[in-house]
Amino acid sequence: MKPKWLLILLIFFSACFGLQCAKNTGPPVKLAGVWKTSEKGYSDESIEFTYDKIIIKSQTRDRYEYAITKVKSKKAPEEQSVLYNIYCIDQFGEEDIFSFYYAPLDGGTLRYKNRKNIIWKKVGG
C-alpha cells in the first residue's frame, strides 16, 4: 500500500514542478509588439516587447536589450489600468525593473510609471 501512495505523490509533485517550469515569465500578449510616442524628445524611440525581451531602440542613440526574468502585475483602479513591473537583466548582467501602466482604452496605451505624461501607442495594432 505504501509504495502506491509514494508513487502517486511523486507523480503529483513532478506534474506541479513541470507546470511551474512551463510558466510564462514574459509580458502578456497585449503588450507584445512595438510601441511609439509622438512626444517631443522621445519620437525617435520605440519600445518592443517580445516573449522574453524588452528592446529599446532609438535613431540617435544605442539599442538596449533586456532579458525578462519575471513579470508582476496589479490593477490600478485610480489609473483605470494595470501596473506591470517587468524584471530584467541587461546586456551587462545588471538587474533592472521597468514599471508600466497599460490601459486598454483607445486601442491600448502604455505609460512609464515615472513618466505618466508620455503616452505610448502600439504601432500597427
N, C-alpha and C. Protein backbone atom coordinates (compact mmCIF):
# COMPACT_ATOMS: atom_id res chain seq x y z
N MET A 1 0.82 -1.20 0.00
CA MET A 1 0.00 0.00 0.00
C MET A 1 0.87 1.26 0.00
N LYS A 2 1.94 1.27 0.78
CA LYS A 2 2.79 2.44 0.88
C LYS A 2 3.44 2.83 -0.45
N PRO A 3 4.00 1.89 -1.22
CA PRO A 3 4.62 2.26 -2.49
C PRO A 3 3.64 2.91 -3.47
N LYS A 4 2.38 2.51 -3.44
CA LYS A 4 1.37 3.09 -4.34
C LYS A 4 1.18 4.58 -4.03
N TRP A 5 1.05 4.93 -2.75
CA TRP A 5 0.87 6.34 -2.36
C TRP A 5 2.13 7.16 -2.64
N LEU A 6 3.26 6.52 -2.43
CA LEU A 6 4.52 7.20 -2.72
C LEU A 6 4.63 7.51 -4.21
N LEU A 7 4.23 6.57 -5.05
CA LEU A 7 4.24 6.78 -6.49
C LEU A 7 3.27 7.89 -6.89
N ILE A 8 2.08 7.90 -6.30
CA ILE A 8 1.08 8.94 -6.59
C ILE A 8 1.62 10.31 -6.19
N LEU A 9 2.22 10.41 -5.02
CA LEU A 9 2.78 11.70 -4.57
C LEU A 9 3.93 12.14 -5.48
N LEU A 10 4.75 11.21 -5.90
CA LEU A 10 5.86 11.53 -6.78
C LEU A 10 5.34 12.07 -8.12
N ILE A 11 4.33 11.45 -8.68
CA ILE A 11 3.73 11.91 -9.93
C ILE A 11 3.10 13.29 -9.75
N PHE A 12 2.39 13.49 -8.63
CA PHE A 12 1.74 14.78 -8.36
C PHE A 12 2.77 15.90 -8.28
N PHE A 13 3.84 15.71 -7.51
CA PHE A 13 4.84 16.76 -7.36
C PHE A 13 5.62 16.98 -8.65
N SER A 14 5.85 15.93 -9.43
CA SER A 14 6.51 16.09 -10.72
C SER A 14 5.65 16.93 -11.66
N ALA A 15 4.34 16.68 -11.66
CA ALA A 15 3.44 17.45 -12.50
C ALA A 15 3.41 18.92 -12.08
N CYS A 16 3.35 19.17 -10.78
CA CYS A 16 3.36 20.55 -10.28
C CYS A 16 4.65 21.26 -10.66
N PHE A 17 5.77 20.59 -10.53
CA PHE A 17 7.05 21.19 -10.89
C PHE A 17 7.10 21.48 -12.38
N GLY A 18 6.61 20.56 -13.20
CA GLY A 18 6.58 20.75 -14.65
C GLY A 18 5.74 21.93 -15.05
N LEU A 19 4.59 22.12 -14.41
CA LEU A 19 3.73 23.27 -14.72
C LEU A 19 4.40 24.56 -14.32
N GLN A 20 5.10 24.55 -13.20
CA GLN A 20 5.80 25.76 -12.75
C GLN A 20 6.91 26.12 -13.73
N CYS A 21 7.62 25.13 -14.24
CA CYS A 21 8.71 25.40 -15.18
C CYS A 21 8.19 25.93 -16.50
N ALA A 22 6.98 25.52 -16.88
CA ALA A 22 6.42 25.95 -18.16
C ALA A 22 5.74 27.31 -18.07
N LYS A 23 5.68 27.88 -16.87
CA LYS A 23 5.00 29.16 -16.68
C LYS A 23 5.66 30.26 -17.50
N ASN A 24 4.85 31.06 -18.16
CA ASN A 24 5.34 32.16 -18.99
C ASN A 24 5.84 33.28 -18.09
N THR A 25 7.11 33.67 -18.26
CA THR A 25 7.66 34.77 -17.46
C THR A 25 7.64 36.07 -18.24
N GLY A 26 7.24 36.01 -19.51
CA GLY A 26 7.22 37.19 -20.36
C GLY A 26 5.99 38.05 -20.14
N PRO A 27 5.94 39.16 -20.85
CA PRO A 27 4.81 40.08 -20.72
C PRO A 27 3.55 39.47 -21.35
N PRO A 28 2.39 39.97 -20.97
CA PRO A 28 1.15 39.46 -21.57
C PRO A 28 1.11 39.78 -23.07
N VAL A 29 0.34 38.99 -23.79
CA VAL A 29 0.25 39.13 -25.25
C VAL A 29 -0.15 40.53 -25.65
N LYS A 30 -1.00 41.19 -24.88
CA LYS A 30 -1.46 42.54 -25.26
C LYS A 30 -0.33 43.56 -25.29
N LEU A 31 0.78 43.29 -24.63
CA LEU A 31 1.93 44.20 -24.67
C LEU A 31 2.88 43.87 -25.81
N ALA A 32 2.82 42.66 -26.35
CA ALA A 32 3.75 42.24 -27.40
C ALA A 32 3.64 43.14 -28.61
N GLY A 33 4.78 43.54 -29.14
CA GLY A 33 4.82 44.41 -30.31
C GLY A 33 5.65 45.66 -30.04
N VAL A 34 5.57 46.57 -30.99
CA VAL A 34 6.36 47.81 -30.94
C VAL A 34 5.46 48.97 -30.52
N TRP A 35 5.95 49.79 -29.61
CA TRP A 35 5.23 50.95 -29.10
C TRP A 35 6.04 52.21 -29.40
N LYS A 36 5.33 53.28 -29.80
CA LYS A 36 5.98 54.56 -30.11
C LYS A 36 5.16 55.71 -29.50
N THR A 37 5.82 56.85 -29.39
CA THR A 37 5.15 58.06 -28.93
C THR A 37 5.52 59.21 -29.85
N SER A 38 4.66 60.20 -29.90
CA SER A 38 4.97 61.40 -30.69
C SER A 38 5.49 62.51 -29.78
N GLU A 39 5.65 62.23 -28.52
CA GLU A 39 6.12 63.21 -27.53
C GLU A 39 7.52 63.70 -27.90
N LYS A 40 7.69 65.02 -27.87
CA LYS A 40 8.98 65.64 -28.19
C LYS A 40 10.07 65.05 -27.30
N GLY A 41 11.18 64.73 -27.89
CA GLY A 41 12.30 64.15 -27.16
C GLY A 41 12.29 62.63 -27.13
N TYR A 42 11.17 62.02 -27.50
CA TYR A 42 11.06 60.57 -27.49
C TYR A 42 10.53 60.03 -28.81
N SER A 43 10.23 60.89 -29.76
CA SER A 43 9.57 60.47 -31.00
C SER A 43 10.45 59.58 -31.88
N ASP A 44 11.77 59.56 -31.65
CA ASP A 44 12.64 58.68 -32.44
C ASP A 44 12.89 57.35 -31.72
N GLU A 45 12.23 57.13 -30.59
CA GLU A 45 12.42 55.91 -29.81
C GLU A 45 11.26 54.95 -30.00
N SER A 46 11.55 53.69 -29.74
CA SER A 46 10.50 52.68 -29.70
C SER A 46 10.80 51.69 -28.59
N ILE A 47 9.74 51.10 -28.08
CA ILE A 47 9.84 50.05 -27.07
C ILE A 47 9.20 48.82 -27.70
N GLU A 48 9.94 47.72 -27.71
CA GLU A 48 9.39 46.48 -28.27
C GLU A 48 9.37 45.41 -27.19
N PHE A 49 8.22 44.77 -27.06
CA PHE A 49 8.06 43.65 -26.14
C PHE A 49 8.00 42.37 -26.95
N THR A 50 8.87 41.42 -26.65
CA THR A 50 8.79 40.08 -27.24
C THR A 50 8.47 39.12 -26.11
N TYR A 51 8.45 37.83 -26.42
CA TYR A 51 8.14 36.83 -25.41
C TYR A 51 9.12 36.89 -24.23
N ASP A 52 10.39 37.20 -24.53
CA ASP A 52 11.39 37.13 -23.47
C ASP A 52 12.28 38.37 -23.34
N LYS A 53 11.97 39.44 -24.11
CA LYS A 53 12.83 40.62 -24.07
C LYS A 53 12.05 41.92 -24.14
N ILE A 54 12.70 42.97 -23.65
CA ILE A 54 12.29 44.35 -23.93
C ILE A 54 13.45 44.95 -24.72
N ILE A 55 13.12 45.55 -25.87
CA ILE A 55 14.14 46.16 -26.72
C ILE A 55 13.79 47.63 -26.87
N ILE A 56 14.72 48.49 -26.47
CA ILE A 56 14.51 49.93 -26.60
C ILE A 56 15.46 50.42 -27.68
N LYS A 57 14.87 50.99 -28.74
CA LYS A 57 15.65 51.45 -29.89
C LYS A 57 15.49 52.96 -30.04
N SER A 58 16.49 53.56 -30.64
CA SER A 58 16.46 54.98 -30.93
C SER A 58 17.23 55.21 -32.22
N GLN A 59 16.79 56.19 -32.99
CA GLN A 59 17.51 56.51 -34.22
C GLN A 59 18.80 57.26 -33.92
N THR A 60 18.87 57.90 -32.76
CA THR A 60 20.05 58.71 -32.44
C THR A 60 20.90 58.14 -31.31
N ARG A 61 20.40 57.12 -30.62
CA ARG A 61 21.15 56.52 -29.52
C ARG A 61 21.26 55.01 -29.72
N ASP A 62 21.93 54.36 -28.81
CA ASP A 62 22.12 52.91 -28.89
C ASP A 62 20.82 52.13 -28.72
N ARG A 63 20.91 50.86 -29.09
CA ARG A 63 19.81 49.91 -28.89
C ARG A 63 20.12 49.15 -27.61
N TYR A 64 19.09 48.97 -26.76
CA TYR A 64 19.27 48.27 -25.50
C TYR A 64 18.31 47.09 -25.45
N GLU A 65 18.84 45.93 -25.06
CA GLU A 65 18.03 44.73 -24.91
C GLU A 65 18.07 44.28 -23.46
N TYR A 66 16.91 43.89 -22.96
CA TYR A 66 16.78 43.43 -21.59
C TYR A 66 16.07 42.08 -21.60
N ALA A 67 16.69 41.07 -21.00
CA ALA A 67 16.08 39.75 -20.90
C ALA A 67 15.10 39.75 -19.74
N ILE A 68 13.86 39.39 -20.00
CA ILE A 68 12.82 39.40 -18.98
C ILE A 68 12.98 38.17 -18.10
N THR A 69 13.00 38.40 -16.78
CA THR A 69 13.10 37.28 -15.84
C THR A 69 11.80 37.03 -15.08
N LYS A 70 10.99 38.09 -14.92
CA LYS A 70 9.75 37.95 -14.16
C LYS A 70 8.84 39.12 -14.47
N VAL A 71 7.53 38.88 -14.42
CA VAL A 71 6.55 39.94 -14.62
C VAL A 71 5.53 39.87 -13.49
N LYS A 72 5.30 41.01 -12.85
CA LYS A 72 4.25 41.11 -11.83
C LYS A 72 3.28 42.18 -12.27
N SER A 73 2.02 41.98 -11.95
CA SER A 73 1.02 42.99 -12.32
C SER A 73 0.01 43.17 -11.21
N LYS A 74 -0.58 44.35 -11.19
CA LYS A 74 -1.68 44.62 -10.27
C LYS A 74 -2.57 45.69 -10.87
N LYS A 75 -3.85 45.58 -10.59
CA LYS A 75 -4.79 46.57 -11.10
C LYS A 75 -4.56 47.89 -10.39
N ALA A 76 -4.66 48.94 -11.16
CA ALA A 76 -4.52 50.29 -10.62
C ALA A 76 -5.82 51.03 -10.91
N PRO A 77 -6.86 50.80 -10.10
CA PRO A 77 -8.18 51.36 -10.41
C PRO A 77 -8.19 52.88 -10.54
N GLU A 78 -7.36 53.55 -9.77
CA GLU A 78 -7.33 55.02 -9.86
C GLU A 78 -6.80 55.47 -11.21
N GLU A 79 -6.03 54.60 -11.86
CA GLU A 79 -5.48 54.90 -13.18
C GLU A 79 -6.31 54.26 -14.29
N GLN A 80 -7.31 53.45 -13.94
CA GLN A 80 -8.09 52.66 -14.90
C GLN A 80 -7.16 51.86 -15.80
N SER A 81 -6.17 51.22 -15.17
CA SER A 81 -5.16 50.49 -15.92
C SER A 81 -4.57 49.38 -15.05
N VAL A 82 -3.59 48.70 -15.62
CA VAL A 82 -2.84 47.67 -14.90
C VAL A 82 -1.39 48.12 -14.83
N LEU A 83 -0.80 48.00 -13.66
CA LEU A 83 0.61 48.33 -13.48
C LEU A 83 1.42 47.05 -13.65
N TYR A 84 2.32 47.04 -14.62
CA TYR A 84 3.21 45.90 -14.84
C TYR A 84 4.61 46.27 -14.37
N ASN A 85 5.16 45.44 -13.50
CA ASN A 85 6.56 45.56 -13.10
C ASN A 85 7.29 44.41 -13.79
N ILE A 86 8.17 44.77 -14.71
CA ILE A 86 8.87 43.77 -15.52
C ILE A 86 10.33 43.75 -15.08
N TYR A 87 10.73 42.62 -14.52
CA TYR A 87 12.08 42.44 -14.01
C TYR A 87 12.97 41.91 -15.14
N CYS A 88 14.13 42.54 -15.32
CA CYS A 88 15.00 42.23 -16.46
C CYS A 88 16.47 42.19 -16.05
N ILE A 89 17.26 41.66 -16.99
CA ILE A 89 18.72 41.70 -16.89
C ILE A 89 19.22 42.30 -18.19
N ASP A 90 20.07 43.33 -18.09
CA ASP A 90 20.57 43.97 -19.32
C ASP A 90 21.77 43.21 -19.88
N GLN A 91 22.33 43.72 -20.96
CA GLN A 91 23.43 43.03 -21.64
C GLN A 91 24.70 42.97 -20.82
N PHE A 92 24.76 43.74 -19.73
CA PHE A 92 25.93 43.73 -18.85
C PHE A 92 25.71 42.87 -17.60
N GLY A 93 24.54 42.23 -17.52
CA GLY A 93 24.22 41.39 -16.37
C GLY A 93 23.61 42.14 -15.20
N GLU A 94 23.31 43.41 -15.41
CA GLU A 94 22.71 44.22 -14.35
C GLU A 94 21.19 44.03 -14.31
N GLU A 95 20.64 43.93 -13.11
CA GLU A 95 19.19 43.79 -12.96
C GLU A 95 18.52 45.16 -13.06
N ASP A 96 17.32 45.16 -13.60
CA ASP A 96 16.56 46.40 -13.75
C ASP A 96 15.08 46.06 -13.67
N ILE A 97 14.28 47.05 -13.35
CA ILE A 97 12.83 46.88 -13.30
C ILE A 97 12.20 48.00 -14.13
N PHE A 98 11.35 47.62 -15.07
CA PHE A 98 10.56 48.59 -15.83
C PHE A 98 9.14 48.53 -15.30
N SER A 99 8.60 49.68 -14.98
CA SER A 99 7.23 49.75 -14.48
C SER A 99 6.38 50.55 -15.46
N PHE A 100 5.35 49.88 -16.00
CA PHE A 100 4.47 50.48 -17.00
C PHE A 100 3.03 50.38 -16.56
N TYR A 101 2.26 51.42 -16.89
CA TYR A 101 0.80 51.35 -16.79
C TYR A 101 0.27 51.00 -18.18
N TYR A 102 -0.57 49.99 -18.25
CA TYR A 102 -1.23 49.64 -19.51
C TYR A 102 -2.72 49.90 -19.35
N ALA A 103 -3.30 50.67 -20.27
CA ALA A 103 -4.74 50.92 -20.28
C ALA A 103 -5.29 50.46 -21.63
N PRO A 104 -6.37 49.70 -21.63
CA PRO A 104 -6.91 49.19 -22.90
C PRO A 104 -7.67 50.23 -23.73
N LEU A 105 -7.95 51.39 -23.18
CA LEU A 105 -8.70 52.42 -23.89
C LEU A 105 -7.98 52.88 -25.15
N ASP A 106 -8.74 53.27 -26.15
CA ASP A 106 -8.20 53.80 -27.41
C ASP A 106 -7.20 52.86 -28.08
N GLY A 107 -7.47 51.57 -28.04
CA GLY A 107 -6.58 50.60 -28.67
C GLY A 107 -5.39 50.22 -27.82
N GLY A 108 -5.31 50.74 -26.63
CA GLY A 108 -4.23 50.42 -25.71
C GLY A 108 -3.19 51.53 -25.64
N THR A 109 -2.88 51.91 -24.43
CA THR A 109 -1.82 52.90 -24.20
C THR A 109 -0.88 52.37 -23.14
N LEU A 110 0.34 52.86 -23.20
CA LEU A 110 1.38 52.46 -22.27
C LEU A 110 2.03 53.72 -21.75
N ARG A 111 2.29 53.75 -20.44
CA ARG A 111 2.98 54.88 -19.83
C ARG A 111 3.97 54.36 -18.80
N TYR A 112 5.19 54.88 -18.83
CA TYR A 112 6.13 54.55 -17.77
C TYR A 112 5.55 55.06 -16.45
N LYS A 113 5.77 54.32 -15.39
CA LYS A 113 5.28 54.74 -14.08
C LYS A 113 5.87 56.09 -13.68
N ASN A 114 7.13 56.33 -14.03
CA ASN A 114 7.79 57.57 -13.63
C ASN A 114 7.68 58.68 -14.69
N ARG A 115 6.98 58.40 -15.80
CA ARG A 115 6.74 59.42 -16.84
C ARG A 115 5.31 59.28 -17.35
N LYS A 116 4.36 59.48 -16.46
CA LYS A 116 2.95 59.26 -16.79
C LYS A 116 2.42 60.16 -17.88
N ASN A 117 3.05 61.30 -18.08
CA ASN A 117 2.54 62.26 -19.08
C ASN A 117 2.87 61.85 -20.52
N ILE A 118 3.77 60.88 -20.71
CA ILE A 118 4.15 60.43 -22.06
C ILE A 118 3.36 59.17 -22.39
N ILE A 119 2.55 59.26 -23.44
CA ILE A 119 1.68 58.14 -23.84
C ILE A 119 2.28 57.44 -25.04
N TRP A 120 2.43 56.12 -24.93
CA TRP A 120 2.95 55.29 -25.99
C TRP A 120 1.79 54.49 -26.58
N LYS A 121 1.76 54.38 -27.91
CA LYS A 121 0.73 53.63 -28.61
C LYS A 121 1.39 52.51 -29.41
N LYS A 122 0.68 51.39 -29.55
CA LYS A 122 1.21 50.27 -30.31
C LYS A 122 1.19 50.60 -31.79
N VAL A 123 2.28 50.27 -32.46
CA VAL A 123 2.41 50.50 -33.90
C VAL A 123 1.79 49.31 -34.63
N GLY A 124 0.88 49.60 -35.52
CA GLY A 124 0.27 48.56 -36.33
C GLY A 124 -0.67 47.64 -35.59
N GLY A 125 -1.29 48.09 -34.55
CA GLY A 125 -2.24 47.19 -33.96
C GLY A 125 -2.70 47.55 -32.63
